[in-house]
PDB file of N, CA and C in Angstrom:
ATOM      1  N   MET A   1     125.653  93.800 119.788  1.00  0.00           N
ATOM      2  CA  MET A   1     126.307  93.868 120.958  1.00  0.00           C
ATOM      3  C   MET A   1     125.608  94.399 122.054  1.00  0.00           C
ATOM      4  N   ASP A   2     124.596  95.311 121.526  1.00  0.00           N
ATOM      5  CA  ASP A   2     123.716  95.830 122.717  1.00  0.00           C
ATOM      6  C   ASP A   2     122.670  94.794 123.049  1.00  0.00           C
ATOM      7  N   VAL A   3     122.379  94.084 122.508  1.00  0.00           N
ATOM      8  CA  VAL A   3     121.192  93.079 122.673  1.00  0.00           C
ATOM      9  C   VAL A   3     121.974  92.040 123.958  1.00  0.00           C
ATOM     10  N   ILE A   4     123.203  91.590 123.660  1.00  0.00           N
ATOM     11  CA  ILE A   4     123.805  90.910 124.560  1.00  0.00           C
ATOM     12  C   ILE A   4     124.166  91.490 125.841  1.00  0.00           C
ATOM     13  N   LYS A   5     124.330  92.900 125.833  1.00  0.00           N
ATOM     14  CA  LYS A   5     124.495  93.761 126.967  1.00  0.00           C
ATOM     15  C   LYS A   5     123.022  93.773 127.707  1.00  0.00           C
ATOM     16  N   GLU A   6     122.021  94.069 127.062  1.00  0.00           N
ATOM     17  CA  GLU A   6     120.681  94.136 127.657  1.00  0.00           C
ATOM     18  C   GLU A   6     120.238  92.817 128.379  1.00  0.00           C
ATOM     19  N   ILE A   7     120.727  91.751 127.572  1.00  0.00           N
ATOM     20  CA  ILE A   7     120.080  90.371 128.185  1.00  0.00           C
ATOM     21  C   ILE A   7     120.904  90.083 129.455  1.00  0.00           C
ATOM     22  N   MET A   8     122.179  90.286 129.446  1.00  0.00           N
ATOM     23  CA  MET A   8     123.083  90.446 130.739  1.00  0.00           C
ATOM     24  C   MET A   8     122.529  91.108 131.878  1.00  0.00           C
ATOM     25  N   ASN A   9     122.252  92.211 131.499  1.00  0.00           N
ATOM     26  CA  ASN A   9     121.848  93.366 132.673  1.00  0.00           C
ATOM     27  C   ASN A   9     120.535  92.935 133.156  1.00  0.00           C
ATOM     28  N   LYS A  10     119.666  92.240 132.320  1.00  0.00           N
ATOM     29  CA  LYS A  10     118.280  91.851 132.885  1.00  0.00           C
ATOM     30  C   LYS A  10     118.467  90.302 133.518  1.00  0.00           C
ATOM     31  N   SER A  11     119.212  89.837 133.365  1.00  0.00           N
ATOM     32  CA  SER A  11     119.407  88.281 133.970  1.00  0.00           C
ATOM     33  C   SER A  11     120.279  88.352 135.426  1.00  0.00           C
ATOM     34  N   ALA A  12     120.394  86.931 135.935  1.00  0.00           N
ATOM     35  CA  ALA A  12     120.903  86.833 137.064  1.00  0.00           C
ATOM     36  C   ALA A  12     122.505  87.202 137.310  1.00  0.00           C
ATOM     37  N   LEU A  13     123.048  87.220 135.841  1.00  0.00           N
ATOM     38  CA  LEU A  13     124.504  87.818 135.756  1.00  0.00           C
ATOM     39  C   LEU A  13     124.500  89.194 136.242  1.00  0.00           C
ATOM     40  N   ALA A  14     123.540  90.075 136.042  1.00  0.00           N
ATOM     41  CA  ALA A  14     123.940  91.429 136.562  1.00  0.00           C
ATOM     42  C   ALA A  14     124.195  91.762 137.946  1.00  0.00           C
ATOM     43  N   LEU A  15     123.994  90.637 138.832  1.00  0.00           N
ATOM     44  CA  LEU A  15     124.185  90.792 140.173  1.00  0.00           C
ATOM     45  C   LEU A  15     125.677  90.373 140.528  1.00  0.00           C
ATOM     46  N   LEU A  16     126.251  89.438 139.757  1.00  0.00           N
ATOM     47  CA  LEU A  16     127.528  89.022 140.119  1.00  0.00           C
ATOM     48  C   LEU A  16     128.833  90.044 139.642  1.00  0.00           C
ATOM     49  N   PHE A  17     130.084  89.708 140.183  1.00  0.00           N
ATOM     50  CA  PHE A  17     131.088  90.550 140.049  1.00  0.00           C
ATOM     51  C   PHE A  17     131.587  90.341 138.614  1.00  0.00           C
ATOM     52  N   PRO A  18     132.423  91.250 138.166  1.00  0.00           N
ATOM     53  CA  PRO A  18     132.724  90.894 136.615  1.00  0.00           C
ATOM     54  C   PRO A  18     133.466  89.806 136.217  1.00  0.00           C
ATOM     55  N   ALA A  19     134.569  89.504 137.492  1.00  0.00           N
ATOM     56  CA  ALA A  19     135.300  88.294 137.393  1.00  0.00           C
ATOM     57  C   ALA A  19     134.573  87.005 137.308  1.00  0.00           C
ATOM     58  N   LEU A  20     133.484  86.915 138.112  1.00  0.00           N
ATOM     59  CA  LEU A  20     132.555  85.900 138.128  1.00  0.00           C
ATOM     60  C   LEU A  20     131.778  85.576 136.907  1.00  0.00           C
ATOM     61  N   LYS A  21     131.247  86.926 136.620  1.00  0.00           N
ATOM     62  CA  LYS A  21     130.386  86.975 135.469  1.00  0.00           C
ATOM     63  C   LYS A  21     131.195  86.445 134.182  1.00  0.00           C
ATOM     64  N   ALA A  22     132.502  86.697 134.075  1.00  0.00           N
ATOM     65  CA  ALA A  22     133.317  86.300 132.931  1.00  0.00           C
ATOM     66  C   ALA A  22     133.505  84.749 132.992  1.00  0.00           C
ATOM     67  N   LEU A  23     133.700  84.125 134.207  1.00  0.00           N
ATOM     68  CA  LEU A  23     133.944  82.730 134.497  1.00  0.00           C
ATOM     69  C   LEU A  23     132.584  82.032 134.219  1.00  0.00           C
ATOM     70  N   VAL A  24     131.556  82.535 134.423  1.00  0.00           N
ATOM     71  CA  VAL A  24     130.177  81.804 134.125  1.00  0.00           C
ATOM     72  C   VAL A  24     130.042  81.822 132.596  1.00  0.00           C
ATOM     73  N   LEU A  25     130.168  83.140 131.908  1.00  0.00           N
ATOM     74  CA  LEU A  25     130.037  83.063 130.454  1.00  0.00           C
ATOM     75  C   LEU A  25     131.173  82.091 129.752  1.00  0.00           C
ATOM     76  N   SER A  26     132.327  82.219 130.087  1.00  0.00           N
ATOM     77  CA  SER A  26     133.464  81.350 129.730  1.00  0.00           C
ATOM     78  C   SER A  26     133.081  79.756 129.900  1.00  0.00           C
ATOM     79  N   LEU A  27     132.413  79.380 130.995  1.00  0.00           N
ATOM     80  CA  LEU A  27     131.889  78.003 131.212  1.00  0.00           C
ATOM     81  C   LEU A  27     130.911  77.835 130.260  1.00  0.00           C
ATOM     82  N   PHE A  28     129.853  78.489 129.843  1.00  0.00           N
ATOM     83  CA  PHE A  28     128.902  78.420 129.104  1.00  0.00           C
ATOM     84  C   PHE A  28     129.248  78.170 127.765  1.00  0.00           C
ATOM     85  N   PHE A  29     130.087  79.197 127.289  1.00  0.00           N
ATOM     86  CA  PHE A  29     130.613  79.058 125.926  1.00  0.00           C
ATOM     87  C   PHE A  29     131.394  77.686 125.669  1.00  0.00           C
ATOM     88  N   THR A  30     132.064  77.289 126.723  1.00  0.00           N
ATOM     89  CA  THR A  30     132.862  76.132 126.566  1.00  0.00           C
ATOM     90  C   THR A  30     132.087  74.903 126.425  1.00  0.00           C
ATOM     91  N   ILE A  31     130.936  75.033 127.057  1.00  0.00           N
ATOM     92  CA  ILE A  31     129.881  73.666 127.077  1.00  0.00           C
ATOM     93  C   ILE A  31     129.318  73.784 125.546  1.00  0.00           C
ATOM     94  N   VAL A  32     128.837  74.923 125.080  1.00  0.00           N
ATOM     95  CA  VAL A  32     128.189  75.107 123.912  1.00  0.00           C
ATOM     96  C   VAL A  32     129.319  74.576 122.646  1.00  0.00           C
ATOM     97  N   ILE A  33     130.426  75.076 122.812  1.00  0.00           N
ATOM     98  CA  ILE A  33     131.460  74.662 121.840  1.00  0.00           C
ATOM     99  C   ILE A  33     131.730  73.063 122.016  1.00  0.00           C
ATOM    100  N   LEU A  34     131.668  72.670 123.145  1.00  0.00           N
ATOM    101  CA  LEU A  34     131.915  71.185 123.316  1.00  0.00           C
ATOM    102  C   LEU A  34     130.853  70.429 122.485  1.00  0.00           C
ATOM    103  N   LEU A  35     129.484  70.847 122.824  1.00  0.00           N
ATOM    104  CA  LEU A  35     128.368  70.278 122.394  1.00  0.00           C
ATOM    105  C   LEU A  35     128.444  70.350 120.817  1.00  0.00           C
ATOM    106  N   PHE A  36     128.749  71.619 120.144  1.00  0.00           N
ATOM    107  CA  PHE A  36     128.878  71.485 118.817  1.00  0.00           C
ATOM    108  C   PHE A  36     129.995  70.493 118.242  1.00  0.00           C
ATOM    109  N   GLY A  37     130.945  70.395 118.903  1.00  0.00           N
ATOM    110  CA  GLY A  37     131.951  69.503 118.544  1.00  0.00           C
ATOM    111  C   GLY A  37     131.521  68.068 118.562  1.00  0.00           C
ATOM    112  N   MET A  38     130.818  67.853 119.512  1.00  0.00           N
ATOM    113  CA  MET A  38     130.188  66.410 119.487  1.00  0.00           C
ATOM    114  C   MET A  38     129.061  66.220 118.654  1.00  0.00           C
ATOM    115  N   LEU A  39     128.366  67.221 118.292  1.00  0.00           N
ATOM    116  CA  LEU A  39     127.379  66.981 117.295  1.00  0.00           C
ATOM    117  C   LEU A  39     128.097  66.732 115.752  1.00  0.00           C
ATOM    118  N   TYR A  40     129.054  67.760 115.563  1.00  0.00           N
ATOM    119  CA  TYR A  40     129.778  67.435 114.335  1.00  0.00           C
ATOM    120  C   TYR A  40     130.244  66.057 114.198  1.00  0.00           C
ATOM    121  N   TYR A  41     130.950  65.611 115.384  1.00  0.00           N
ATOM    122  CA  TYR A  41     131.638  64.221 115.421  1.00  0.00           C
ATOM    123  C   TYR A  41     130.710  63.269 115.124  1.00  0.00           C
ATOM    124  N   LEU A  42     129.407  63.251 115.595  1.00  0.00           N
ATOM    125  CA  LEU A  42     128.419  62.431 115.503  1.00  0.00           C
ATOM    126  C   LEU A  42     127.814  62.422 114.100  1.00  0.00           C
ATOM    127  N   ILE A  43     127.731  63.824 113.568  1.00  0.00           N
ATOM    128  CA  ILE A  43     127.360  63.515 111.965  1.00  0.00           C
ATOM    129  C   ILE A  43     128.342  63.021 110.971  1.00  0.00           C
ATOM    130  N   ARG A  44     129.448  63.445 111.383  1.00  0.00           N
ATOM    131  CA  ARG A  44     130.463  63.005 110.519  1.00  0.00           C
ATOM    132  C   ARG A  44     130.881  61.478 110.494  1.00  0.00           C
ATOM    133  N   HIS A  45     130.935  61.049 111.722  1.00  0.00           N
ATOM    134  CA  HIS A  45     131.248  59.621 112.008  1.00  0.00           C
ATOM    135  C   HIS A  45     130.199  58.761 112.640  1.00  0.00           C
ATOM    136  N   GLY A  46     128.981  59.281 112.579  1.00  0.00           N
ATOM    137  CA  GLY A  46     127.848  58.480 113.151  1.00  0.00           C
ATOM    138  C   GLY A  46     127.371  57.242 112.343  1.00  0.00           C
ATOM    139  N   ALA A  47     127.616  57.004 111.142  1.00  0.00           N
ATOM    140  CA  ALA A  47     127.164  56.089 110.317  1.00  0.00           C
ATOM    141  C   ALA A  47     128.019  54.895 110.545  1.00  0.00           C
ATOM    142  N   TYR A  48     129.340  55.087 111.205  1.00  0.00           N
ATOM    143  CA  TYR A  48     130.337  54.049 111.163  1.00  0.00           C
ATOM    144  C   TYR A  48     130.490  53.776 112.808  1.00  0.00           C
ATOM    145  N   MET A  49     129.669  54.155 113.646  1.00  0.00           N
ATOM    146  CA  MET A  49     129.631  53.783 114.973  1.00  0.00           C
ATOM    147  C   MET A  49     128.637  52.870 115.534  1.00  0.00           C
ATOM    148  N   ASN A  50     129.010  51.819 116.221  1.00  0.00           N
ATOM    149  CA  ASN A  50     128.181  51.025 116.839  1.00  0.00           C
ATOM    150  C   ASN A  50     127.558  51.320 118.069  1.00  0.00           C
ATOM    151  N   VAL A  51     126.295  51.732 118.051  1.00  0.00           N
ATOM    152  CA  VAL A  51     125.884  52.450 119.305  1.00  0.00           C
ATOM    153  C   VAL A  51     124.748  51.397 119.822  1.00  0.00           C
ATOM    154  N   GLN A  52     124.785  51.060 121.055  1.00  0.00           N
ATOM    155  CA  GLN A  52     123.820  50.049 121.567  1.00  0.00           C
ATOM    156  C   GLN A  52     123.088  50.583 122.782  1.00  0.00           C
ATOM    157  N   PHE A  53     122.072  50.448 123.106  1.00  0.00           N
ATOM    158  CA  PHE A  53     121.338  50.936 124.116  1.00  0.00           C
ATOM    159  C   PHE A  53     120.812  50.102 124.983  1.00  0.00           C
ATOM    160  N   GLY A  54     121.074  50.241 126.305  1.00  0.00           N
ATOM    161  CA  GLY A  54     120.533  49.044 127.308  1.00  0.00           C
ATOM    162  C   GLY A  54     121.150  49.166 128.480  1.00  0.00           C
ATOM    163  N   TYR A  55     120.885  48.498 129.457  1.00  0.00           N
ATOM    164  CA  TYR A  55     121.354  48.527 130.951  1.00  0.00           C
ATOM    165  C   TYR A  55     122.367  47.286 131.221  1.00  0.00           C
TER     166      TYR A  55
END
């Protein structure tokens, strides 16, 4: 926990208000959780997907 506090104090988040800091952190963790969910879905069901690349 001390490492996280030190990183937050030495980053640009240290200058923000606590409410805005909480909003930024919650947005970041929401994106991370969403990406892990997408990765899980891709690993779990990727073999059955029809993926096409093109324009």
